[in-house]
Amino acid sequence: MPTTPPPTTTAVVATQPSKSEEAPVFDSPLVGGSVKLTAPLHGSSVRGSIELGQAGAGGRLEVDLLAKNASLANVRGSGSKSVRVGRLVRRSVSAGKVSFSVALTAQGKRALTHHHSLPLTVKITLTPTQGETVTVTRSVTLRA
């Protein structure tokens, strides 16, 4: 009898910021579907949603926007360390579709204005009331 290979984690790079990106999430009882991110054509926030399974209900959801240190400096090449330029925390989430919107910090907005685009890593962390924490990352680019 043939077996089905296990699902794999897929990272998505938003090449067209005006379109939404959706990618499957690995097999986890916490995350019941996919992660969807939307970066507007011009703007300083990232919107998205994540489908949470019953096992994720009541857990803590954190969404961090991370930029490379070099993207924040006036001169390129000043480092590759990631710096948080946006954060959202929800202390208790319900099962089902959870939508979110995360705005850039003042530092992130200055970098976006200065460089006219800002590549970001969106790190979504779900910490359930019981069990292991699940982290999903995606990449998007904001444009000024």
Protein backbone atom coordinates (compact mmCIF):
# COMPACT_ATOMS: atom_id res chain seq x y z
CA MET A 1 0.00 0.00 0.00
CA PRO A 2 1.58 3.39 -1.00
CA THR A 3 2.23 5.91 1.74
CA THR A 4 1.90 9.66 1.53
CA PRO A 5 5.08 11.62 2.29
CA PRO A 6 4.81 13.96 5.30
CA PRO A 7 4.11 17.65 4.61
CA THR A 8 7.08 19.99 4.52
CA THR A 9 7.51 23.54 5.75
CA THR A 10 7.52 26.02 2.88
CA ALA A 11 8.91 29.54 3.17
CA VAL A 12 7.30 32.18 0.98
CA VAL A 13 8.98 35.32 -0.33
CA ALA A 14 6.54 38.07 -1.27
CA THR A 15 7.82 39.24 -4.63
CA GLN A 16 4.71 41.29 -5.34
CA PRO A 17 3.89 43.19 -2.13
CA SER A 18 0.38 44.07 -3.33
CA LYS A 19 -0.62 40.41 -3.49
CA SER A 20 -1.18 38.10 -0.58
CA GLU A 21 1.02 35.07 -0.04
CA GLU A 22 -0.21 31.79 1.34
CA ALA A 23 1.82 28.72 2.18
CA PRO A 24 1.09 25.45 3.91
CA VAL A 25 2.21 24.99 7.47
CA PHE A 26 3.77 21.77 8.73
CA ASP A 27 1.65 19.07 10.30
CA SER A 28 0.83 20.38 13.78
CA PRO A 29 -2.35 20.14 15.87
CA LEU A 30 -1.79 23.79 16.86
CA VAL A 31 -1.88 25.19 13.34
CA GLY A 32 -4.80 23.85 11.38
CA GLY A 33 -4.10 25.26 7.94
CA SER A 34 -2.01 27.96 6.38
CA VAL A 35 -0.37 31.30 7.03
CA LYS A 36 -1.43 34.18 4.83
CA LEU A 37 0.47 37.49 4.71
CA THR A 38 -0.38 40.70 2.89
CA ALA A 39 1.99 43.61 2.44
CA PRO A 40 0.35 46.62 0.77
CA LEU A 41 1.92 48.11 -2.36
CA HIS A 42 2.91 51.13 -0.27
CA GLY A 43 2.68 51.12 3.49
CA SER A 44 4.29 50.51 6.83
CA SER A 45 2.43 47.47 8.14
CA VAL A 46 2.05 43.77 7.50
CA ARG A 47 -1.34 42.09 7.72
CA GLY A 48 -2.00 38.41 7.86
CA SER A 49 -3.90 35.49 9.27
CA ILE A 50 -3.21 32.04 10.59
CA GLU A 51 -5.57 29.09 10.98
CA LEU A 52 -5.33 27.65 14.48
CA GLY A 53 -6.47 24.17 15.48
CA GLN A 54 -8.28 23.39 18.74
CA ALA A 55 -4.95 22.49 20.39
CA GLY A 56 -3.82 26.10 19.83
CA ALA A 57 -6.89 27.63 21.51
CA GLY A 58 -6.04 29.67 24.60
CA GLY A 59 -2.39 29.94 23.56
CA ARG A 60 -0.26 33.07 23.18
CA LEU A 61 0.36 34.46 19.68
CA GLU A 62 3.38 36.67 18.95
CA VAL A 63 4.10 38.25 15.57
CA ASP A 64 7.50 39.93 15.14
CA LEU A 65 8.73 41.94 12.16
CA LEU A 66 12.51 41.52 11.86
CA ALA A 67 14.84 43.52 9.62
CA LYS A 68 18.54 43.06 9.05
CA ASN A 69 20.61 45.63 10.90
CA ALA A 70 22.12 46.71 7.56
CA SER A 71 18.62 47.66 6.32
CA LEU A 72 18.22 50.05 9.23
CA ALA A 73 21.57 51.82 8.93
CA ASN A 74 22.27 54.83 6.76
CA VAL A 75 25.15 52.93 5.17
CA ARG A 76 24.60 49.43 3.78
CA GLY A 77 26.74 46.59 5.01
CA SER A 78 26.76 47.59 8.68
CA GLY A 79 25.77 44.14 9.89
CA SER A 80 23.54 41.14 9.43
CA LYS A 81 21.99 40.96 12.90
CA SER A 82 18.18 40.98 12.93
CA VAL A 83 16.43 43.84 14.70
CA ARG A 84 12.76 43.82 15.72
CA VAL A 85 10.90 46.64 13.95
CA GLY A 86 7.34 45.62 14.80
CA ARG A 87 5.58 43.41 17.34
CA LEU A 88 2.12 42.18 18.20
CA VAL A 89 1.25 39.97 21.18
CA ARG A 90 -2.11 38.36 21.86
CA ARG A 91 -2.17 36.65 25.23
CA SER A 92 -5.02 34.25 24.40
CA VAL A 93 -6.28 33.26 20.96
CA SER A 94 -9.27 31.20 19.85
CA ALA A 95 -9.26 28.28 17.44
CA GLY A 96 -10.04 29.17 13.83
CA LYS A 97 -8.82 32.02 11.65
CA VAL A 98 -6.84 34.61 13.62
CA SER A 99 -6.14 37.86 11.74
CA PHE A 100 -3.44 40.35 12.68
CA SER A 101 -1.88 43.63 11.62
CA VAL A 102 1.59 44.72 12.73
CA ALA A 103 2.86 48.26 12.14
CA LEU A 104 6.51 49.24 11.89
CA THR A 105 8.21 51.01 14.77
CA ALA A 106 9.51 54.55 14.25
CA GLN A 107 12.96 53.08 13.47
CA GLY A 108 11.45 50.76 10.85
CA LYS A 109 9.45 53.61 9.27
CA ARG A 110 12.60 55.76 9.00
CA ALA A 111 14.47 52.90 7.28
CA LEU A 112 11.56 52.31 4.90
CA THR A 113 11.45 56.00 3.99
CA HIS A 114 15.23 56.22 3.59
CA HIS A 115 15.72 53.05 1.50
CA HIS A 116 12.28 53.04 -0.25
CA SER A 117 11.90 49.32 0.53
CA LEU A 118 12.42 47.17 3.59
CA PRO A 119 12.81 43.38 3.41
CA LEU A 120 11.40 41.76 6.54
CA THR A 121 11.16 38.38 8.16
CA VAL A 122 7.78 37.83 9.78
CA LYS A 123 8.17 35.48 12.74
CA ILE A 124 4.92 34.02 14.07
CA THR A 125 5.18 32.17 17.39
CA LEU A 126 2.32 30.27 19.00
CA THR A 127 2.83 29.13 22.58
CA PRO A 128 0.02 26.76 23.60
CA THR A 129 -1.21 26.35 27.16
CA GLN A 130 0.26 22.83 27.00
CA GLY A 131 2.82 21.36 24.64
CA GLU A 132 5.59 22.71 22.46
CA THR A 133 5.85 26.17 20.94
CA VAL A 134 5.39 26.43 17.16
CA THR A 135 7.27 29.07 15.13
CA VAL A 136 6.58 29.90 11.48
CA THR A 137 8.62 32.44 9.48
CA ARG A 138 7.85 34.14 6.18
CA SER A 139 9.56 36.90 4.18
CA VAL A 140 7.92 40.04 2.80
CA THR A 141 9.17 43.36 1.44
CA LEU A 142 7.50 46.64 2.31
CA ARG A 143 7.79 49.54 -0.13
CA ALA A 144 7.60 53.27 0.56
